[in-house]
Protein backbone atom coordinates (compact mmCIF):
# COMPACT_ATOMS: atom_id res chain seq x y z
CA UNK A 1 0.27 0.16 -0.18
CA UNK A 2 3.01 2.12 -0.41
CA UNK A 3 1.99 3.30 -3.49
CA UNK A 4 -1.38 5.01 -1.72
CA UNK A 5 0.70 6.69 0.84
CA UNK A 6 -0.19 10.58 1.55
CA UNK A 7 2.99 11.91 -0.17
CA UNK A 8 1.88 10.49 -3.49
CA UNK A 9 -1.43 12.01 -3.32
CA UNK A 10 -2.18 15.39 -4.96
CA UNK A 11 -5.67 16.80 -3.83
CA UNK A 12 -7.32 17.25 -7.07
CA UNK A 13 -10.64 17.19 -5.40
CA UNK A 14 -9.76 20.18 -3.70
CA UNK A 15 -9.73 22.25 -6.72
CA UNK A 16 -12.80 20.88 -8.24
CA UNK A 17 -15.27 24.07 -7.95
CA UNK A 18 -12.36 25.95 -9.57
CA UNK A 19 -12.08 23.18 -12.51
CA UNK A 20 -15.52 23.44 -12.63
CA UNK A 21 -15.74 27.00 -12.91
CA UNK A 22 -12.79 27.41 -15.65
CA UNK A 23 -14.70 24.80 -17.60
CA UNK A 24 -18.04 26.26 -17.41
CA UNK A 25 -16.88 29.75 -18.35
CA UNK A 26 -14.86 27.77 -21.36
CA UNK A 27 -18.17 26.30 -22.70
CA UNK A 28 -20.23 29.28 -22.39
CA UNK A 29 -17.36 30.92 -24.18
CA UNK A 30 -17.38 28.25 -27.02
CA UNK A 31 -21.49 28.48 -27.46
CA UNK A 32 -21.16 32.11 -27.68
CA UNK A 33 -18.64 32.04 -30.29
CA UNK A 34 -20.63 28.94 -32.40
CA UNK A 35 -23.83 30.67 -31.93
CA UNK A 36 -22.63 34.65 -33.25
CA UNK A 37 -19.32 33.67 -35.39
CA UNK A 38 -20.30 30.01 -36.45
CA UNK A 39 -16.88 27.95 -37.74
CA UNK A 40 -14.75 29.68 -40.64
CA UNK A 41 -15.85 26.41 -43.06
CA UNK A 42 -13.35 25.76 -45.40
CA UNK A 43 -14.53 25.20 -49.27
CA UNK A 44 -14.48 21.31 -48.50
CA UNK A 45 -17.61 22.53 -46.81
CA UNK A 46 -18.83 25.53 -48.28
CA UNK A 47 -17.60 24.87 -51.91
CA UNK A 48 -15.91 27.46 -54.08
CA UNK A 49 -12.27 28.47 -55.34
CA UNK A 50 -9.17 28.08 -53.60
CA UNK A 51 -6.30 30.00 -55.28
CA UNK A 52 -3.02 30.14 -54.20
CA UNK A 53 -0.18 32.72 -55.35
CA UNK A 54 3.22 33.62 -54.37
CA UNK A 55 5.45 36.96 -54.24
CA UNK A 56 8.77 37.34 -54.21
CA UNK A 57 8.64 40.28 -51.35
CA UNK A 58 5.87 40.25 -48.63
CA UNK A 59 2.44 40.55 -49.86
CA UNK A 60 0.32 43.46 -48.51
CA UNK A 61 -3.12 41.54 -48.00
CA UNK A 62 -4.97 45.13 -47.55
CA UNK A 63 -4.18 46.30 -50.82
CA UNK A 64 -4.87 42.84 -52.84
CA UNK A 65 -8.47 42.82 -50.87
CA UNK A 66 -8.91 46.19 -52.62
CA UNK A 67 -7.84 45.44 -55.94
CA UNK A 68 -10.25 42.30 -55.78
CA UNK A 69 -13.31 44.49 -54.85
CA UNK A 70 -12.53 46.73 -57.64
CA UNK A 71 -12.64 43.88 -60.02
CA UNK A 72 -16.00 42.07 -58.89
CA UNK A 73 -14.59 39.88 -56.39
CA UNK A 74 -16.03 41.64 -53.18
CA UNK A 75 -16.39 38.55 -51.77
CA UNK A 76 -12.78 37.19 -51.68
CA UNK A 77 -11.21 36.52 -48.65
CA UNK A 78 -7.46 36.73 -48.50
CA UNK A 79 -4.84 35.42 -46.02
CA UNK A 80 -1.49 34.55 -45.81
CA UNK A 81 -0.45 31.19 -46.24
CA UNK A 82 2.40 29.85 -44.19
CA UNK A 83 4.71 32.98 -45.03
CA UNK A 84 4.15 36.59 -45.63
CA UNK A 85 5.04 35.92 -49.07
CA UNK A 86 2.11 33.33 -49.89
CA UNK A 87 -0.97 34.39 -50.54
CA UNK A 88 -4.28 32.23 -50.57
CA UNK A 89 -7.69 33.64 -51.96
CA UNK A 90 -10.57 31.99 -51.28
CA UNK A 91 -13.84 32.75 -53.08
CA UNK A 92 -17.64 31.66 -52.93
CA UNK A 93 -18.49 29.20 -56.23
CA UNK A 94 -20.18 30.91 -59.44
CA UNK A 95 -22.52 29.72 -61.48
CA UNK A 96 -21.47 32.34 -64.53
CA UNK A 97 -17.98 30.96 -64.94
CA UNK A 98 -15.90 27.73 -64.88
CA UNK A 99 -12.80 27.20 -62.77
CA UNK A 100 -10.23 27.94 -65.49
CA UNK A 101 -11.71 31.70 -66.06
CA UNK A 102 -12.07 32.58 -62.27
CA UNK A 103 -8.53 31.19 -61.72
CA UNK A 104 -7.23 33.68 -64.63
CA UNK A 105 -9.23 36.55 -63.96
CA UNK A 106 -7.94 36.53 -60.32
CA UNK A 107 -4.38 36.32 -61.74
CA UNK A 108 -4.58 39.01 -64.15
CA UNK A 109 -6.24 41.47 -61.39
CA UNK A 110 -3.05 40.56 -59.12
CA UNK A 111 -0.97 40.91 -61.89
CA UNK A 112 -1.83 44.22 -62.25
CA UNK A 113 -0.75 45.09 -59.16
CA UNK A 114 2.08 43.21 -59.18
CA UNK A 115 4.40 41.68 -61.64
CA UNK A 116 6.26 39.58 -59.54
CA UNK A 117 3.77 36.83 -58.40
CA UNK A 118 3.04 33.69 -59.52
CA UNK A 119 0.46 31.03 -59.40
CA UNK A 120 1.14 27.88 -57.65
CA UNK A 121 -2.37 26.08 -57.33
CA UNK A 122 -6.09 26.22 -57.98
CA UNK A 123 -8.75 23.95 -56.21
CA UNK A 124 -12.47 23.64 -56.58
CA UNK A 125 -15.31 22.01 -54.90
CA UNK A 126 -19.00 22.09 -56.20
CA UNK A 127 -21.49 23.59 -53.72
CA UNK A 128 -23.48 20.37 -53.69
CA UNK A 129 -20.35 18.22 -52.70
CA UNK A 130 -19.56 21.00 -50.27
CA UNK A 131 -22.92 20.47 -48.71
CA UNK A 132 -22.92 16.54 -48.61
CA UNK A 133 -19.26 16.72 -47.39
CA UNK A 134 -20.69 19.12 -44.34
CA UNK A 135 -23.85 16.69 -43.54
CA UNK A 136 -21.63 13.54 -43.71
CA UNK A 137 -19.07 15.25 -41.50
CA UNK A 138 -21.47 16.07 -39.07
CA UNK A 139 -23.11 12.62 -38.85
CA UNK A 140 -19.74 11.34 -38.47
CA UNK A 141 -19.19 13.17 -35.58
CA UNK A 142 -22.52 12.43 -34.13
CA UNK A 143 -22.19 8.43 -35.00
CA UNK A 144 -19.10 8.49 -32.93
CA UNK A 145 -20.49 10.15 -29.80
CA UNK A 146 -23.13 7.78 -29.86
CA UNK A 147 -21.19 4.72 -30.31
CA UNK A 148 -18.81 6.03 -27.33
CA UNK A 149 -22.44 6.76 -25.46
CA UNK A 150 -23.46 2.93 -25.75
CA UNK A 151 -19.72 1.76 -25.16
CA UNK A 152 -19.28 3.52 -21.91
CA UNK A 153 -23.01 2.49 -20.87
CA UNK A 154 -21.86 -1.04 -20.65
CA UNK A 155 -18.47 -0.66 -19.76
CA UNK A 156 -18.98 1.33 -16.29
CA UNK A 157 -21.83 1.81 -14.10
CA UNK A 158 -24.35 4.78 -14.84
CA UNK A 159 -22.60 7.61 -13.05
CA UNK A 160 -19.15 6.74 -14.44
CA UNK A 161 -20.26 6.78 -17.52
CA UNK A 162 -22.23 10.24 -17.22
CA UNK A 163 -18.60 11.25 -15.79
CA UNK A 164 -17.08 10.01 -19.26
CA UNK A 165 -19.75 11.47 -21.79
CA UNK A 166 -19.79 14.87 -20.04
CA UNK A 167 -15.92 14.92 -20.27
CA UNK A 168 -16.23 14.16 -24.22
CA UNK A 169 -18.64 16.65 -24.84
CA UNK A 170 -16.88 19.13 -22.58
CA UNK A 171 -13.59 18.63 -24.88
CA UNK A 172 -15.54 18.53 -28.49
CA UNK A 173 -17.56 22.20 -27.54
CA UNK A 174 -14.56 23.61 -26.47
CA UNK A 175 -12.23 22.57 -29.63
CA UNK A 176 -15.09 23.77 -31.75
CA UNK A 177 -15.17 27.01 -29.91
CA UNK A 178 -11.36 27.41 -30.30
CA UNK A 179 -11.61 27.50 -33.77
CA UNK A 180 -14.55 29.87 -33.70
CA UNK A 181 -12.85 32.45 -31.72
CA UNK A 182 -9.76 32.45 -33.46
CA UNK A 183 -11.49 32.09 -36.99
CA UNK A 184 -9.76 29.59 -38.15
CA UNK A 185 -10.13 27.55 -41.11
CA UNK A 186 -12.36 24.52 -40.53
CA UNK A 187 -12.46 21.51 -42.96
CA UNK A 188 -12.06 18.06 -43.40
CA UNK A 189 -8.77 17.38 -42.01
CA UNK A 190 -9.65 19.38 -39.02
CA UNK A 191 -13.04 17.29 -38.62
CA UNK A 192 -10.58 14.22 -38.46
CA UNK A 193 -8.78 15.87 -35.71
CA UNK A 194 -12.01 16.49 -33.92
CA UNK A 195 -12.92 12.84 -34.26
CA UNK A 196 -9.17 11.80 -33.00
CA UNK A 197 -9.29 13.61 -30.04
CA UNK A 198 -12.67 12.06 -29.04
CA UNK A 199 -10.45 8.84 -29.15
CA UNK A 200 -7.85 10.16 -27.52
CA UNK A 201 -9.80 11.90 -24.61
CA UNK A 202 -11.65 8.55 -24.14
CA UNK A 203 -8.86 6.55 -23.83
CA UNK A 204 -7.36 8.86 -21.08
CA UNK A 205 -10.52 9.05 -19.35
CA UNK A 206 -11.62 5.09 -19.40
CA UNK A 207 -7.95 4.87 -17.62
CA UNK A 208 -8.84 7.27 -14.97
CA UNK A 209 -12.16 5.82 -14.55
CA UNK A 210 -11.30 2.29 -14.23
CA UNK A 211 -8.59 2.94 -11.34
CA UNK A 212 -11.40 5.07 -9.45
CA UNK A 213 -13.52 1.70 -9.76
CA UNK A 214 -10.52 -0.49 -8.84
CA UNK A 215 -9.79 2.03 -5.43
CA UNK A 216 -13.26 1.93 -4.39
CA UNK A 217 -13.37 -1.62 -4.15
CA UNK A 218 -10.11 -1.88 -2.45
CA UNK A 219 -9.56 0.85 -0.48
CA UNK A 220 -11.44 1.31 2.90
CA UNK A 221 -11.81 3.93 5.49
CA UNK A 222 -11.01 6.73 3.23
CA UNK A 223 -13.86 9.41 1.60
CA UNK A 224 -14.82 9.40 -1.70
CA UNK A 225 -12.84 12.40 -2.76
CA UNK A 226 -9.58 10.89 -0.66
CA UNK A 227 -10.01 8.12 -2.82
CA UNK A 228 -10.53 9.46 -6.13
CA UNK A 229 -7.50 11.66 -5.21
CA UNK A 230 -5.48 8.59 -4.60
CA UNK A 231 -6.88 7.10 -8.00
CA UNK A 232 -6.16 10.23 -10.22
CA UNK A 233 -2.50 10.36 -8.34
CA UNK A 234 -1.45 6.93 -9.39
CA UNK A 235 -2.33 7.42 -12.91
CA UNK A 236 -1.08 10.57 -13.38
CA UNK A 237 2.52 9.54 -14.29
CA UNK A 238 1.43 7.67 -17.37
CA UNK A 239 -1.18 10.34 -18.23
CA UNK A 240 1.52 13.20 -18.05
CA UNK A 241 3.89 11.03 -20.25
CA UNK A 242 1.61 10.36 -22.74
CA UNK A 243 0.50 13.64 -23.20
CA UNK A 244 3.54 15.04 -23.20
CA UNK A 245 5.33 12.84 -25.97
CA UNK A 246 1.62 12.95 -28.10
CA UNK A 247 2.36 17.07 -27.62
CA UNK A 248 5.95 16.99 -28.75
CA UNK A 249 5.16 15.31 -31.93
CA UNK A 250 1.99 17.60 -32.63
CA UNK A 251 3.80 20.73 -32.12
CA UNK A 252 6.66 19.31 -34.70
CA UNK A 253 3.93 18.54 -37.28
CA UNK A 254 2.62 22.35 -36.54
CA UNK A 255 5.67 24.12 -37.07
CA UNK A 256 7.05 22.00 -39.61
CA UNK A 257 4.44 19.60 -41.30
CA UNK A 258 3.74 22.47 -43.99
CA UNK A 259 0.28 24.43 -44.12
CA UNK A 260 -1.78 21.27 -45.35
CA UNK A 261 -1.54 19.79 -42.06
CA UNK A 262 -1.63 22.97 -40.01
CA UNK A 263 -5.14 22.91 -38.96
CA UNK A 264 -5.24 19.43 -38.39
CA UNK A 265 -1.95 19.50 -36.10
CA UNK A 266 -3.56 22.71 -34.09
CA UNK A 267 -6.82 20.63 -33.36
CA UNK A 268 -5.19 17.93 -32.04
CA UNK A 269 -2.84 20.18 -29.73
CA UNK A 270 -5.85 21.73 -28.54
CA UNK A 271 -7.98 18.16 -28.22
CA UNK A 272 -4.56 16.37 -26.60
CA UNK A 273 -4.59 19.72 -23.87
CA UNK A 274 -8.57 20.12 -23.33
CA UNK A 275 -8.54 16.04 -22.75
CA UNK A 276 -5.79 15.62 -20.59
CA UNK A 277 -7.47 18.26 -18.49
CA UNK A 278 -10.95 16.76 -18.37
CA UNK A 279 -9.76 13.26 -17.73
CA UNK A 280 -8.09 14.90 -14.40
CA UNK A 281 -10.24 17.24 -13.34
CA UNK A 282 -13.88 16.93 -15.21
CA UNK A 283 -14.67 13.33 -15.40
CA UNK A 284 -14.31 12.90 -11.80
CA UNK A 285 -15.15 16.38 -10.47
CA UNK A 286 -18.46 15.18 -12.53
CA UNK A 287 -18.53 11.63 -9.87
CA UNK A 288 -18.27 13.78 -7.03
CA UNK A 289 -21.04 16.06 -8.12
CA UNK A 290 -23.10 12.84 -8.55
CA UNK A 291 -22.40 11.86 -4.92
CA UNK A 292 -20.54 8.61 -5.88
CA UNK A 293 -19.65 6.43 -3.24
CA UNK A 294 -18.44 2.88 -2.30
CA UNK A 295 -22.24 1.23 -2.89
CA UNK A 296 -22.34 2.59 -6.37
CA UNK A 297 -19.13 0.06 -7.22
CA UNK A 298 -19.75 -2.60 -5.12
CA UNK A 299 -23.41 -3.74 -6.32
CA UNK A 300 -21.69 -5.70 -8.93
CA UNK A 301 -19.53 -7.58 -6.47
CA UNK A 302 -22.18 -8.38 -3.89
CA UNK A 303 -24.42 -10.13 -6.65
CA UNK A 304 -21.44 -12.33 -7.74
CA UNK A 305 -20.85 -13.39 -4.33
CA UNK A 306 -24.01 -14.07 -3.70
CA UNK A 307 -23.82 -16.10 -6.61
CA UNK A 308 -20.79 -17.69 -5.52
CA UNK A 309 -22.74 -18.78 -2.33
CA UNK A 310 -25.70 -20.81 -4.08
CA UNK A 311 -25.27 -24.43 -3.72
């Protein structure tokens, strides 16, 4: 029982009110931003044109926007892409012109402003395809959450299952909220990252909840808060090492992996940080809110004992 001595135990539950307050604030801010600003959907979901151009010197986005606006491209969204010399132009789909005509017209407008501009790439997604991808992506997210709901319902008793589900919803809402607040492009790669975050967060939460269940069945003469603290502390090294090693890889991808996976890596970084936090504080704090006790975990053991005693 040396592992459960006080010097190895951190009083996480002593900070549960503060942690729940922080989570509540983050969720409220995320919901407000998603309701008012929404997500900056990429052309994967909205459809449209994506034109990447390069300059020999740093490009002035303000003058580029003004030039495009004066030439019937008032809806153009212009942003730097990787460096100040690379520019990305996004346009809504247009029914009166084909892809080649649109990209050629945009490039001619930019050439009139600066002769040192060069075309890098052009992408087009039709509005119907974009709408289908948006619907299918949302359905994939809901199916994943529903499947996890079924799994944790069978894997744990009711209070633990509710804690795991609350932690997952907490992670998804805050990750989406971060993308809404900073108005970062949300495309299919980011959606894939959100699904990966769900799996990562669930794995971490299951490890913690498993240890809590085991501790409630084996540790006596301690309060629920003390037992939860012991359980989280005993898995803390595993949680921290796993999160840090994962973050090292993701940070490397974010800075050196190129702009194509920039959003994917950023979503995973946010998700891993929030998922680690929720595994330690949110899922366990929700158990305290539901007044978890030893009886919640001993019922199954009692039934098995009664069956063993039958002749």
